[in-house]
Amino acid sequence: MIKKSLLIWLSIIPLAILNGALRQEILSPWLGESIARPLSGVILCLLIFIVSWIFIPRIGKGDQKTYWKIGVVWIASTIVFETILGLAMGNTCAELIQAYDITTGNIWLLVVLFIGVVPWLVVKRKKLI
């Protein structure tokens, strides 16, 4: 199940990239960075929830522990992916770490935590566990 769940996680990457482009090209110029950044985080969480709602039940039936393990794998995968991509794009480690500072209005940390909770949340809401 965990291997299958990684396919779901991979499908979220293009949505996250499109969401980032939406923030940079439309939301930030229109609303300003201080509103666009958290709004973008909320939009991404909604997209992640929708994808998970559709696909998590299709990977098989597990217990609560399995869905929490999936969440941990998704968190780790997200952090590794973001770090590698960020460094490849020329960001410094300090800039990457700053993205996790919610006092700047960036809710990325909350998004990452949501990524970890969403597999369990979906199956719980669908009454599959």
C-alpha atoms as a PDB file:
ATOM      1  CA  MET A   1       0.000   0.000   0.000  1.00  0.00           C
ATOM      2  CA  ILE A   2       2.801   2.417   0.815  1.00  0.00           C
ATOM      3  CA  LYS A   3       4.395   1.912  -2.611  1.00  0.00           C
ATOM      4  CA  LYS A   4       1.048   2.524  -4.299  1.00  0.00           C
ATOM      5  CA  SER A   5       0.542   5.618  -2.161  1.00  0.00           C
ATOM      6  CA  LEU A   6       3.744   7.092  -3.591  1.00  0.00           C
ATOM      7  CA  LEU A   7       2.033   7.206  -6.987  1.00  0.00           C
ATOM      8  CA  ILE A   8      -0.640   9.389  -5.417  1.00  0.00           C
ATOM      9  CA  TRP A   9       2.043  11.572  -3.839  1.00  0.00           C
ATOM     10  CA  LEU A  10       3.775  11.891  -7.225  1.00  0.00           C
ATOM     11  CA  SER A  11       0.516  13.078  -8.780  1.00  0.00           C
ATOM     12  CA  ILE A  12       0.439  15.935  -6.267  1.00  0.00           C
ATOM     13  CA  ILE A  13       3.771  17.361  -7.470  1.00  0.00           C
ATOM     14  CA  PRO A  14       2.430  18.870 -10.721  1.00  0.00           C
ATOM     15  CA  LEU A  15      -0.484  20.364  -8.785  1.00  0.00           C
ATOM     16  CA  ALA A  16       1.941  21.949  -6.320  1.00  0.00           C
ATOM     17  CA  ILE A  17       4.017  23.370  -9.172  1.00  0.00           C
ATOM     18  CA  LEU A  18       0.918  24.782 -10.887  1.00  0.00           C
ATOM     19  CA  ASN A  19      -0.235  26.211  -7.562  1.00  0.00           C
ATOM     20  CA  GLY A  20       3.145  27.934  -7.150  1.00  0.00           C
ATOM     21  CA  ALA A  21       2.852  29.392 -10.633  1.00  0.00           C
ATOM     22  CA  LEU A  22      -0.680  30.593  -9.847  1.00  0.00           C
ATOM     23  CA  ARG A  23       0.649  32.301  -6.722  1.00  0.00           C
ATOM     24  CA  GLN A  24       3.548  34.003  -8.509  1.00  0.00           C
ATOM     25  CA  GLU A  25       1.760  35.024 -11.683  1.00  0.00           C
ATOM     26  CA  ILE A  26      -1.752  35.866 -10.464  1.00  0.00           C
ATOM     27  CA  LEU A  27      -2.289  35.858  -6.714  1.00  0.00           C
ATOM     28  CA  SER A  28       0.813  37.803  -5.627  1.00  0.00           C
ATOM     29  CA  PRO A  29       0.439  40.635  -8.166  1.00  0.00           C
ATOM     30  CA  TRP A  30      -3.290  40.846  -7.458  1.00  0.00           C
ATOM     31  CA  LEU A  31      -3.399  40.394  -3.672  1.00  0.00           C
ATOM     32  CA  GLY A  32       0.165  40.974  -2.528  1.00  0.00           C
ATOM     33  CA  GLU A  33       2.598  38.406  -1.180  1.00  0.00           C
ATOM     34  CA  SER A  34       1.343  38.579   2.411  1.00  0.00           C
ATOM     35  CA  ILE A  35      -2.098  37.312   1.356  1.00  0.00           C
ATOM     36  CA  ALA A  36      -1.101  35.250  -1.673  1.00  0.00           C
ATOM     37  CA  ARG A  37       1.351  32.998   0.163  1.00  0.00           C
ATOM     38  CA  PRO A  38      -1.064  31.667   2.821  1.00  0.00           C
ATOM     39  CA  LEU A  39      -3.915  31.537   0.316  1.00  0.00           C
ATOM     40  CA  SER A  40      -1.739  29.453  -1.965  1.00  0.00           C
ATOM     41  CA  GLY A  41      -1.040  27.090   0.941  1.00  0.00           C
ATOM     42  CA  VAL A  42      -4.752  26.662   1.586  1.00  0.00           C
ATOM     43  CA  ILE A  43      -5.409  26.035  -2.118  1.00  0.00           C
ATOM     44  CA  LEU A  44      -2.664  23.408  -2.188  1.00  0.00           C
ATOM     45  CA  CYS A  45      -4.135  21.681   0.868  1.00  0.00           C
ATOM     46  CA  LEU A  46      -7.522  21.554  -0.856  1.00  0.00           C
ATOM     47  CA  LEU A  47      -5.960  20.078  -3.981  1.00  0.00           C
ATOM     48  CA  ILE A  48      -4.086  17.489  -1.929  1.00  0.00           C
ATOM     49  CA  PHE A  49      -7.286  16.586  -0.104  1.00  0.00           C
ATOM     50  CA  ILE A  50      -9.239  16.175  -3.344  1.00  0.00           C
ATOM     51  CA  VAL A  51      -6.582  13.951  -4.928  1.00  0.00           C
ATOM     52  CA  SER A  52      -6.319  11.911  -1.742  1.00  0.00           C
ATOM     53  CA  TRP A  53     -10.101  11.646  -1.431  1.00  0.00           C
ATOM     54  CA  ILE A  54     -10.284  10.165  -4.912  1.00  0.00           C
ATOM     55  CA  PHE A  55      -7.260   7.867  -4.864  1.00  0.00           C
ATOM     56  CA  ILE A  56      -6.395   6.786  -1.287  1.00  0.00           C
ATOM     57  CA  PRO A  57      -9.382   4.394  -1.050  1.00  0.00           C
ATOM     58  CA  ARG A  58      -8.241   2.700  -4.279  1.00  0.00           C
ATOM     59  CA  ILE A  59      -4.862   1.519  -2.974  1.00  0.00           C
ATOM     60  CA  GLY A  60      -6.304  -1.151  -0.715  1.00  0.00           C
ATOM     61  CA  LYS A  61      -7.619  -1.404   2.799  1.00  0.00           C
ATOM     62  CA  GLY A  62      -5.320  -0.903   5.729  1.00  0.00           C
ATOM     63  CA  ASP A  63      -5.512  -0.097   9.406  1.00  0.00           C
ATOM     64  CA  GLN A  64      -4.915   3.274  11.063  1.00  0.00           C
ATOM     65  CA  LYS A  65      -1.231   2.520  11.503  1.00  0.00           C
ATOM     66  CA  THR A  66      -0.829   1.956   7.763  1.00  0.00           C
ATOM     67  CA  TYR A  67      -2.344   5.333   6.877  1.00  0.00           C
ATOM     68  CA  TRP A  68      -0.152   7.092   9.462  1.00  0.00           C
ATOM     69  CA  LYS A  69       2.895   5.367   7.927  1.00  0.00           C
ATOM     70  CA  ILE A  70       1.789   6.589   4.507  1.00  0.00           C
ATOM     71  CA  GLY A  71       1.572  10.108   5.941  1.00  0.00           C
ATOM     72  CA  VAL A  72       5.100   9.899   7.355  1.00  0.00           C
ATOM     73  CA  VAL A  73       6.420   8.646   4.007  1.00  0.00           C
ATOM     74  CA  TRP A  74       4.628  11.517   2.249  1.00  0.00           C
ATOM     75  CA  ILE A  75       6.125  14.076   4.659  1.00  0.00           C
ATOM     76  CA  ALA A  76       9.628  12.675   4.216  1.00  0.00           C
ATOM     77  CA  SER A  77       9.215  12.505   0.431  1.00  0.00           C
ATOM     78  CA  THR A  78       7.970  16.083   0.329  1.00  0.00           C
ATOM     79  CA  ILE A  79      10.851  17.432   2.406  1.00  0.00           C
ATOM     80  CA  VAL A  80      13.445  15.521   0.376  1.00  0.00           C
ATOM     81  CA  PHE A  81      11.885  16.604  -2.922  1.00  0.00           C
ATOM     82  CA  GLU A  82      11.594  20.258  -1.869  1.00  0.00           C
ATOM     83  CA  THR A  83      15.173  20.297  -0.612  1.00  0.00           C
ATOM     84  CA  ILE A  84      16.636  18.749  -3.748  1.00  0.00           C
ATOM     85  CA  LEU A  85      14.546  20.938  -6.047  1.00  0.00           C
ATOM     86  CA  GLY A  86      15.283  24.077  -4.037  1.00  0.00           C
ATOM     87  CA  LEU A  87      19.029  23.469  -4.023  1.00  0.00           C
ATOM     88  CA  ALA A  88      18.950  22.646  -7.741  1.00  0.00           C
ATOM     89  CA  MET A  89      17.215  25.975  -8.370  1.00  0.00           C
ATOM     90  CA  GLY A  90      20.012  27.806  -6.556  1.00  0.00           C
ATOM     91  CA  ASN A  91      18.349  28.416  -3.206  1.00  0.00           C
ATOM     92  CA  THR A  92      20.483  28.335  -0.094  1.00  0.00           C
ATOM     93  CA  CYS A  93      19.796  26.051   2.845  1.00  0.00           C
ATOM     94  CA  ALA A  94      18.839  29.136   4.860  1.00  0.00           C
ATOM     95  CA  GLU A  95      16.233  30.091   2.247  1.00  0.00           C
ATOM     96  CA  LEU A  96      14.819  26.573   2.258  1.00  0.00           C
ATOM     97  CA  ILE A  97      14.580  26.531   6.038  1.00  0.00           C
ATOM     98  CA  GLN A  98      12.927  29.965   6.026  1.00  0.00           C
ATOM     99  CA  ALA A  99       9.996  28.457   4.119  1.00  0.00           C
ATOM    100  CA  TYR A 100       9.135  26.542   7.313  1.00  0.00           C
ATOM    101  CA  ASP A 101       8.916  29.727   9.425  1.00  0.00           C
ATOM    102  CA  ILE A 102       5.210  30.415   9.859  1.00  0.00           C
ATOM    103  CA  THR A 103       5.917  33.799  11.480  1.00  0.00           C
ATOM    104  CA  THR A 104       6.720  35.117   7.989  1.00  0.00           C
ATOM    105  CA  GLY A 105       3.202  34.317   6.771  1.00  0.00           C
ATOM    106  CA  ASN A 106       4.395  31.233   4.936  1.00  0.00           C
ATOM    107  CA  ILE A 107       2.256  28.271   5.969  1.00  0.00           C
ATOM    108  CA  TRP A 108       4.422  25.688   4.201  1.00  0.00           C
ATOM    109  CA  LEU A 109       5.070  23.893   7.506  1.00  0.00           C
ATOM    110  CA  LEU A 110       1.317  23.496   7.982  1.00  0.00           C
ATOM    111  CA  VAL A 111       0.973  22.218   4.414  1.00  0.00           C
ATOM    112  CA  VAL A 112       3.672  19.610   5.042  1.00  0.00           C
ATOM    113  CA  LEU A 113       1.945  18.530   8.255  1.00  0.00           C
ATOM    114  CA  PHE A 114      -1.370  18.353   6.386  1.00  0.00           C
ATOM    115  CA  ILE A 115       0.286  16.109   3.798  1.00  0.00           C
ATOM    116  CA  GLY A 116       1.104  13.738   6.635  1.00  0.00           C
ATOM    117  CA  VAL A 117      -2.389  13.719   8.094  1.00  0.00           C
ATOM    118  CA  VAL A 118      -4.444  13.591   4.902  1.00  0.00           C
ATOM    119  CA  PRO A 119      -4.204   9.821   4.176  1.00  0.00           C
ATOM    120  CA  TRP A 120      -5.603   9.011   7.628  1.00  0.00           C
ATOM    121  CA  LEU A 121      -8.104  11.887   7.468  1.00  0.00           C
ATOM    122  CA  VAL A 122      -9.535  10.687   4.156  1.00  0.00           C
ATOM    123  CA  VAL A 123     -10.098   7.091   5.233  1.00  0.00           C
ATOM    124  CA  LYS A 124     -11.484   8.259   8.577  1.00  0.00           C
ATOM    125  CA  ARG A 125     -13.949  10.661   6.869  1.00  0.00           C
ATOM    126  CA  LYS A 126     -14.964   7.935   4.397  1.00  0.00           C
ATOM    127  CA  LYS A 127     -15.406   5.541   7.340  1.00  0.00           C
ATOM    128  CA  LEU A 128     -12.961   3.025   5.878  1.00  0.00           C
ATOM    129  CA  ILE A 129     -11.225   2.533   9.239  1.00  0.00           C
END
